[in-house]
Amino acid sequence: MPGEGKHVERTVVRCAEGHLFSTASFPMQNLGAGRIGPGRLIRCPQCARLRSAVPAELAKLSQDEIRQALRREAAEFLA
């Protein structure tokens, strides 16, 4: 079947409410701190609202926080 065995890289993000979750796509994630704009609109899987989200600073998170965020997946980014 198409797509079998493919590994989708996920990005851990933090929404404006502070919730941690992951998304399969985060445009411009490699531009670092100087990226354009404050974040991207994503429907937070925790509060189910559209929120601005930015990549989380993984160095400041525990392994447990990262694992939990990777289990909470946003369906897709919106803007």
PDB file of N, CA and C in Angstrom:
ATOM      1  N   MET A   1       0.839  -1.179   0.000  1.00  0.00           N
ATOM      2  CA  MET A   1       0.000   0.000   0.000  1.00  0.00           C
ATOM      3  C   MET A   1       0.885   1.244   0.000  1.00  0.00           C
ATOM      4  N   PRO A   2       0.433   2.308  -0.658  1.00  0.00           N
ATOM      5  CA  PRO A   2       1.194   3.545  -0.660  1.00  0.00           C
ATOM      6  C   PRO A   2       1.296   4.115   0.748  1.00  0.00           C
ATOM      7  N   GLY A   3       2.458   4.627   1.067  1.00  0.00           N
ATOM      8  CA  GLY A   3       2.657   5.261   2.366  1.00  0.00           C
ATOM      9  C   GLY A   3       3.073   4.315   3.466  1.00  0.00           C
ATOM     10  N   GLU A   4       2.975   2.993   3.235  1.00  0.00           N
ATOM     11  CA  GLU A   4       3.362   2.056   4.277  1.00  0.00           C
ATOM     12  C   GLU A   4       4.854   2.165   4.541  1.00  0.00           C
ATOM     13  N   GLY A   5       5.218   2.140   5.793  1.00  0.00           N
ATOM     14  CA  GLY A   5       6.612   2.174   6.165  1.00  0.00           C
ATOM     15  C   GLY A   5       7.231   3.565   6.151  1.00  0.00           C
ATOM     16  N   LYS A   6       6.455   4.568   5.754  1.00  0.00           N
ATOM     17  CA  LYS A   6       6.992   5.922   5.737  1.00  0.00           C
ATOM     18  C   LYS A   6       6.973   6.498   7.142  1.00  0.00           C
ATOM     19  N   HIS A   7       8.059   7.169   7.494  1.00  0.00           N
ATOM     20  CA  HIS A   7       8.156   7.815   8.795  1.00  0.00           C
ATOM     21  C   HIS A   7       7.850   9.297   8.600  1.00  0.00           C
ATOM     22  N   VAL A   8       6.856   9.797   9.295  1.00  0.00           N
ATOM     23  CA  VAL A   8       6.503  11.208   9.213  1.00  0.00           C
ATOM     24  C   VAL A   8       7.169  11.925  10.378  1.00  0.00           C
ATOM     25  N   GLU A   9       8.004  12.881  10.059  1.00  0.00           N
ATOM     26  CA  GLU A   9       8.663  13.643  11.115  1.00  0.00           C
ATOM     27  C   GLU A   9       7.668  14.621  11.716  1.00  0.00           C
ATOM     28  N   ARG A  10       7.620  14.665  13.027  1.00  0.00           N
ATOM     29  CA  ARG A  10       6.676  15.532  13.721  1.00  0.00           C
ATOM     30  C   ARG A  10       7.437  16.634  14.452  1.00  0.00           C
ATOM     31  N   THR A  11       6.812  17.795  14.532  1.00  0.00           N
ATOM     32  CA  THR A  11       7.371  18.930  15.239  1.00  0.00           C
ATOM     33  C   THR A  11       6.551  19.168  16.492  1.00  0.00           C
ATOM     34  N   VAL A  12       7.204  19.270  17.648  1.00  0.00           N
ATOM     35  CA  VAL A  12       6.506  19.588  18.890  1.00  0.00           C
ATOM     36  C   VAL A  12       6.321  21.099  18.922  1.00  0.00           C
ATOM     37  N   VAL A  13       5.075  21.525  19.127  1.00  0.00           N
ATOM     38  CA  VAL A  13       4.750  22.953  19.152  1.00  0.00           C
ATOM     39  C   VAL A  13       4.012  23.300  20.439  1.00  0.00           C
ATOM     40  N   ARG A  14       3.979  24.602  20.724  1.00  0.00           N
ATOM     41  CA  ARG A  14       3.261  25.112  21.898  1.00  0.00           C
ATOM     42  C   ARG A  14       2.269  26.149  21.391  1.00  0.00           C
ATOM     43  N   CYS A  15       0.995  26.006  21.773  1.00  0.00           N
ATOM     44  CA  CYS A  15      -0.009  26.974  21.350  1.00  0.00           C
ATOM     45  C   CYS A  15       0.007  28.180  22.295  1.00  0.00           C
ATOM     46  N   ALA A  16      -0.737  29.206  21.931  1.00  0.00           N
ATOM     47  CA  ALA A  16      -0.783  30.443  22.710  1.00  0.00           C
ATOM     48  C   ALA A  16      -1.302  30.222  24.128  1.00  0.00           C
ATOM     49  N   GLU A  17      -2.027  29.129  24.353  1.00  0.00           N
ATOM     50  CA  GLU A  17      -2.520  28.798  25.689  1.00  0.00           C
ATOM     51  C   GLU A  17      -1.508  27.994  26.491  1.00  0.00           C
ATOM     52  N   GLY A  18      -0.396  27.613  25.843  1.00  0.00           N
ATOM     53  CA  GLY A  18       0.654  26.866  26.531  1.00  0.00           C
ATOM     54  C   GLY A  18       0.585  25.366  26.362  1.00  0.00           C
ATOM     55  N   HIS A  19      -0.405  24.869  25.607  1.00  0.00           N
ATOM     56  CA  HIS A  19      -0.536  23.422  25.403  1.00  0.00           C
ATOM     57  C   HIS A  19       0.543  22.924  24.454  1.00  0.00           C
ATOM     58  N   LEU A  20       1.105  21.770  24.768  1.00  0.00           N
ATOM     59  CA  LEU A  20       2.102  21.137  23.911  1.00  0.00           C
ATOM     60  C   LEU A  20       1.447  20.033  23.105  1.00  0.00           C
ATOM     61  N   PHE A  21       1.758  19.984  21.803  1.00  0.00           N
ATOM     62  CA  PHE A  21       1.271  18.933  20.929  1.00  0.00           C
ATOM     63  C   PHE A  21       2.195  18.861  19.728  1.00  0.00           C
ATOM     64  N   SER A  22       1.892  18.004  18.778  1.00  0.00           N
ATOM     65  CA  SER A  22       2.771  17.867  17.622  1.00  0.00           C
ATOM     66  C   SER A  22       1.992  18.029  16.331  1.00  0.00           C
ATOM     67  N   THR A  23       2.722  18.335  15.290  1.00  0.00           N
ATOM     68  CA  THR A  23       2.143  18.482  13.969  1.00  0.00           C
ATOM     69  C   THR A  23       3.110  17.894  12.953  1.00  0.00           C
ATOM     70  N   ALA A  24       2.564  17.351  11.866  1.00  0.00           N
ATOM     71  CA  ALA A  24       3.399  16.732  10.844  1.00  0.00           C
ATOM     72  C   ALA A  24       4.066  17.778   9.968  1.00  0.00           C
ATOM     73  N   SER A  25       3.536  18.973   9.964  1.00  0.00           N
ATOM     74  CA  SER A  25       4.068  20.002   9.081  1.00  0.00           C
ATOM     75  C   SER A  25       4.122  21.325   9.818  1.00  0.00           C
ATOM     76  N   PHE A  26       5.262  21.969   9.755  1.00  0.00           N
ATOM     77  CA  PHE A  26       5.364  23.302  10.351  1.00  0.00           C
ATOM     78  C   PHE A  26       6.231  24.143   9.429  1.00  0.00           C
ATOM     79  N   PRO A  27       5.612  24.876   8.495  1.00  0.00           N
ATOM     80  CA  PRO A  27       6.359  25.670   7.528  1.00  0.00           C
ATOM     81  C   PRO A  27       7.345  26.613   8.200  1.00  0.00           C
ATOM     82  N   MET A  28       8.482  26.763   7.591  1.00  0.00           N
ATOM     83  CA  MET A  28       9.534  27.685   8.023  1.00  0.00           C
ATOM     84  C   MET A  28      10.155  27.302   9.351  1.00  0.00           C
ATOM     85  N   GLN A  29      10.017  26.048   9.803  1.00  0.00           N
ATOM     86  CA  GLN A  29      10.575  25.665  11.096  1.00  0.00           C
ATOM     87  C   GLN A  29      12.088  25.762  11.124  1.00  0.00           C
ATOM     88  N   ASN A  30      12.730  25.729   9.979  1.00  0.00           N
ATOM     89  CA  ASN A  30      14.187  25.762   9.953  1.00  0.00           C
ATOM     90  C   ASN A  30      14.766  27.173   9.878  1.00  0.00           C
ATOM     91  N   LEU A  31      13.942  28.189   9.963  1.00  0.00           N
ATOM     92  CA  LEU A  31      14.452  29.551   9.876  1.00  0.00           C
ATOM     93  C   LEU A  31      14.934  30.078  11.221  1.00  0.00           C
ATOM     94  N   GLY A  32      14.725  29.315  12.284  1.00  0.00           N
ATOM     95  CA  GLY A  32      15.225  29.712  13.597  1.00  0.00           C
ATOM     96  C   GLY A  32      14.461  30.879  14.200  1.00  0.00           C
ATOM     97  N   ALA A  33      15.113  31.573  15.120  1.00  0.00           N
ATOM     98  CA  ALA A  33      14.456  32.629  15.885  1.00  0.00           C
ATOM     99  C   ALA A  33      14.032  33.799  15.013  1.00  0.00           C
ATOM    100  N   GLY A  34      14.655  33.977  13.864  1.00  0.00           N
ATOM    101  CA  GLY A  34      14.331  35.106  13.003  1.00  0.00           C
ATOM    102  C   GLY A  34      13.213  34.835  12.024  1.00  0.00           C
ATOM    103  N   ARG A  35      12.425  33.772  12.229  1.00  0.00           N
ATOM    104  CA  ARG A  35      11.379  33.431  11.269  1.00  0.00           C
ATOM    105  C   ARG A  35      10.339  34.541  11.197  1.00  0.00           C
ATOM    106  N   ILE A  36       9.683  34.600  10.083  1.00  0.00           N
ATOM    107  CA  ILE A  36       8.687  35.643   9.837  1.00  0.00           C
ATOM    108  C   ILE A  36       7.398  35.297  10.582  1.00  0.00           C
ATOM    109  N   GLY A  37       6.862  36.262  11.309  1.00  0.00           N
ATOM    110  CA  GLY A  37       5.592  36.070  11.997  1.00  0.00           C
ATOM    111  C   GLY A  37       5.731  35.351  13.317  1.00  0.00           C
ATOM    112  N   PRO A  38       4.695  35.473  14.154  1.00  0.00           N
ATOM    113  CA  PRO A  38       4.747  34.895  15.499  1.00  0.00           C
ATOM    114  C   PRO A  38       4.498  33.401  15.555  1.00  0.00           C
ATOM    115  N   GLY A  39       3.924  32.813  14.544  1.00  0.00           N
ATOM    116  CA  GLY A  39       3.627  31.385  14.573  1.00  0.00           C
ATOM    117  C   GLY A  39       2.687  31.033  13.446  1.00  0.00           C
ATOM    118  N   ARG A  40       2.039  29.909  13.571  1.00  0.00           N
ATOM    119  CA  ARG A  40       1.075  29.441  12.568  1.00  0.00           C
ATOM    120  C   ARG A  40      -0.213  29.082  13.274  1.00  0.00           C
ATOM    121  N   LEU A  41      -1.345  29.259  12.566  1.00  0.00           N
ATOM    122  CA  LEU A  41      -2.633  28.891  13.137  1.00  0.00           C
ATOM    123  C   LEU A  41      -2.831  27.387  13.015  1.00  0.00           C
ATOM    124  N   ILE A  42      -3.060  26.761  14.146  1.00  0.00           N
ATOM    125  CA  ILE A  42      -3.273  25.320  14.209  1.00  0.00           C
ATOM    126  C   ILE A  42      -4.412  25.057  15.185  1.00  0.00           C
ATOM    127  N   ARG A  43      -5.270  24.093  14.873  1.00  0.00           N
ATOM    128  CA  ARG A  43      -6.326  23.716  15.824  1.00  0.00           C
ATOM    129  C   ARG A  43      -5.673  22.873  16.909  1.00  0.00           C
ATOM    130  N   CYS A  44      -5.653  23.415  18.119  1.00  0.00           N
ATOM    131  CA  CYS A  44      -5.034  22.734  19.246  1.00  0.00           C
ATOM    132  C   CYS A  44      -5.859  21.499  19.606  1.00  0.00           C
ATOM    133  N   PRO A  45      -5.233  20.325  19.653  1.00  0.00           N
ATOM    134  CA  PRO A  45      -5.986  19.112  19.989  1.00  0.00           C
ATOM    135  C   PRO A  45      -6.410  19.054  21.453  1.00  0.00           C
ATOM    136  N   GLN A  46      -5.864  19.928  22.288  1.00  0.00           N
ATOM    137  CA  GLN A  46      -6.231  19.915  23.701  1.00  0.00           C
ATOM    138  C   GLN A  46      -7.454  20.776  23.982  1.00  0.00           C
ATOM    139  N   CYS A  47      -7.494  21.984  23.407  1.00  0.00           N
ATOM    140  CA  CYS A  47      -8.632  22.866  23.679  1.00  0.00           C
ATOM    141  C   CYS A  47      -9.561  22.995  22.476  1.00  0.00           C
ATOM    142  N   ALA A  48      -9.191  22.378  21.342  1.00  0.00           N
ATOM    143  CA  ALA A  48     -10.003  22.340  20.121  1.00  0.00           C
ATOM    144  C   ALA A  48     -10.272  23.715  19.528  1.00  0.00           C
ATOM    145  N   ARG A  49      -9.412  24.685  19.816  1.00  0.00           N
ATOM    146  CA  ARG A  49      -9.579  26.027  19.248  1.00  0.00           C
ATOM    147  C   ARG A  49      -8.412  26.347  18.331  1.00  0.00           C
ATOM    148  N   LEU A  50      -8.665  27.232  17.374  1.00  0.00           N
ATOM    149  CA  LEU A  50      -7.578  27.706  16.527  1.00  0.00           C
ATOM    150  C   LEU A  50      -6.669  28.576  17.376  1.00  0.00           C
ATOM    151  N   ARG A  51      -5.413  28.237  17.390  1.00  0.00           N
ATOM    152  CA  ARG A  51      -4.444  28.980  18.202  1.00  0.00           C
ATOM    153  C   ARG A  51      -3.184  29.216  17.387  1.00  0.00           C
ATOM    154  N   SER A  52      -2.519  30.300  17.689  1.00  0.00           N
ATOM    155  CA  SER A  52      -1.190  30.525  17.141  1.00  0.00           C
ATOM    156  C   SER A  52      -0.258  29.568  17.861  1.00  0.00           C
ATOM    157  N   ALA A  53       0.592  28.878  17.110  1.00  0.00           N
ATOM    158  CA  ALA A  53       1.523  27.922  17.710  1.00  0.00           C
ATOM    159  C   ALA A  53       2.912  28.124  17.125  1.00  0.00           C
ATOM    160  N   VAL A  54       3.911  27.910  17.967  1.00  0.00           N
ATOM    161  CA  VAL A  54       5.309  28.028  17.555  1.00  0.00           C
ATOM    162  C   VAL A  54       6.039  26.756  17.979  1.00  0.00           C
ATOM    163  N   PRO A  55       7.128  26.415  17.295  1.00  0.00           N
ATOM    164  CA  PRO A  55       7.903  25.246  17.722  1.00  0.00           C
ATOM    165  C   PRO A  55       8.350  25.391  19.174  1.00  0.00           C
ATOM    166  N   ALA A  56       8.195  24.335  19.939  1.00  0.00           N
ATOM    167  CA  ALA A  56       8.600  24.345  21.353  1.00  0.00           C
ATOM    168  C   ALA A  56      10.117  24.221  21.451  1.00  0.00           C
ATOM    169  N   GLU A  57      10.667  24.776  22.507  1.00  0.00           N
ATOM    170  CA  GLU A  57      12.100  24.639  22.775  1.00  0.00           C
ATOM    171  C   GLU A  57      12.315  23.295  23.472  1.00  0.00           C
ATOM    172  N   LEU A  58      12.720  22.296  22.695  1.00  0.00           N
ATOM    173  CA  LEU A  58      12.839  20.937  23.220  1.00  0.00           C
ATOM    174  C   LEU A  58      13.833  20.837  24.373  1.00  0.00           C
ATOM    175  N   ALA A  59      14.860  21.667  24.373  1.00  0.00           N
ATOM    176  CA  ALA A  59      15.869  21.624  25.435  1.00  0.00           C
ATOM    177  C   ALA A  59      15.271  21.993  26.792  1.00  0.00           C
ATOM    178  N   LYS A  60      14.150  22.689  26.783  1.00  0.00           N
ATOM    179  CA  LYS A  60      13.509  23.116  28.036  1.00  0.00           C
ATOM    180  C   LYS A  60      12.397  22.168  28.480  1.00  0.00           C
ATOM    181  N   LEU A  61      12.165  21.107  27.707  1.00  0.00           N
ATOM    182  CA  LEU A  61      11.101  20.152  28.030  1.00  0.00           C
ATOM    183  C   LEU A  61      11.685  18.851  28.557  1.00  0.00           C
ATOM    184  N   SER A  62      10.930  18.192  29.424  1.00  0.00           N
ATOM    185  CA  SER A  62      11.345  16.865  29.900  1.00  0.00           C
ATOM    186  C   SER A  62      11.031  15.838  28.817  1.00  0.00           C
ATOM    187  N   GLN A  63      11.633  14.678  28.911  1.00  0.00           N
ATOM    188  CA  GLN A  63      11.351  13.599  27.967  1.00  0.00           C
ATOM    189  C   GLN A  63       9.876  13.206  28.030  1.00  0.00           C
ATOM    190  N   ASP A  64       9.285  13.247  29.222  1.00  0.00           N
ATOM    191  CA  ASP A  64       7.873  12.911  29.386  1.00  0.00           C
ATOM    192  C   ASP A  64       6.994  13.943  28.672  1.00  0.00           C
ATOM    193  N   GLU A  65       7.323  15.233  28.792  1.00  0.00           N
ATOM    194  CA  GLU A  65       6.547  16.274  28.101  1.00  0.00           C
ATOM    195  C   GLU A  65       6.619  16.078  26.588  1.00  0.00           C
ATOM    196  N   ILE A  66       7.793  15.741  26.090  1.00  0.00           N
ATOM    197  CA  ILE A  66       7.961  15.517  24.651  1.00  0.00           C
ATOM    198  C   ILE A  66       7.145  14.309  24.205  1.00  0.00           C
ATOM    199  N   ARG A  67       7.216  13.209  24.947  1.00  0.00           N
ATOM    200  CA  ARG A  67       6.442  12.000  24.615  1.00  0.00           C
ATOM    201  C   ARG A  67       4.942  12.295  24.583  1.00  0.00           C
ATOM    202  N   GLN A  68       4.460  13.022  25.595  1.00  0.00           N
ATOM    203  CA  GLN A  68       3.033  13.351  25.648  1.00  0.00           C
ATOM    204  C   GLN A  68       2.635  14.244  24.476  1.00  0.00           C
ATOM    205  N   ALA A  69       3.481  15.215  24.143  1.00  0.00           N
ATOM    206  CA  ALA A  69       3.187  16.123  23.023  1.00  0.00           C
ATOM    207  C   ALA A  69       3.127  15.347  21.712  1.00  0.00           C
ATOM    208  N   LEU A  70       4.009  14.365  21.548  1.00  0.00           N
ATOM    209  CA  LEU A  70       4.016  13.579  20.315  1.00  0.00           C
ATOM    210  C   LEU A  70       2.774  12.701  20.201  1.00  0.00           C
ATOM    211  N   ARG A  71       2.136  12.395  21.323  1.00  0.00           N
ATOM    212  CA  ARG A  71       0.886  11.611  21.296  1.00  0.00           C
ATOM    213  C   ARG A  71      -0.317  12.483  20.959  1.00  0.00           C
ATOM    214  N   ARG A  72      -0.209  13.789  21.222  1.00  0.00           N
ATOM    215  CA  ARG A  72      -1.292  14.736  20.901  1.00  0.00           C
ATOM    216  C   ARG A  72      -0.981  15.342  19.537  1.00  0.00           C
ATOM    217  N   GLU A  73      -1.693  14.909  18.531  1.00  0.00           N
ATOM    218  CA  GLU A  73      -1.390  15.347  17.180  1.00  0.00           C
ATOM    219  C   GLU A  73      -2.442  16.301  16.642  1.00  0.00           C
ATOM    220  N   ALA A  74      -1.985  17.414  16.078  1.00  0.00           N
ATOM    221  CA  ALA A  74      -2.873  18.325  15.367  1.00  0.00           C
ATOM    222  C   ALA A  74      -3.106  17.740  13.982  1.00  0.00           C
ATOM    223  N   ALA A  75      -4.310  17.902  13.465  1.00  0.00           N
ATOM    224  CA  ALA A  75      -4.624  17.346  12.156  1.00  0.00           C
ATOM    225  C   ALA A  75      -3.811  18.006  11.056  1.00  0.00           C
ATOM    226  N   GLU A  76      -3.753  19.317  11.048  1.00  0.00           N
ATOM    227  CA  GLU A  76      -2.995  20.035  10.024  1.00  0.00           C
ATOM    228  C   GLU A  76      -2.857  21.494  10.424  1.00  0.00           C
ATOM    229  N   PHE A  77      -1.908  22.179   9.801  1.00  0.00           N
ATOM    230  CA  PHE A  77      -1.781  23.613  10.058  1.00  0.00           C
ATOM    231  C   PHE A  77      -2.724  24.329   9.109  1.00  0.00           C
ATOM    232  N   LEU A  78      -3.163  25.527   9.477  1.00  0.00           N
ATOM    233  CA  LEU A  78      -4.125  26.263   8.657  1.00  0.00           C
ATOM    234  C   LEU A  78      -3.539  27.485   7.972  1.00  0.00           C
ATOM    235  N   ALA A  79      -2.548  28.102   8.565  1.00  0.00           N
ATOM    236  CA  ALA A  79      -1.947  29.295   7.941  1.00  0.00           C
ATOM    237  C   ALA A  79      -0.579  29.533   8.512  1.00  0.00           C
TER     238      ALA A  79
END
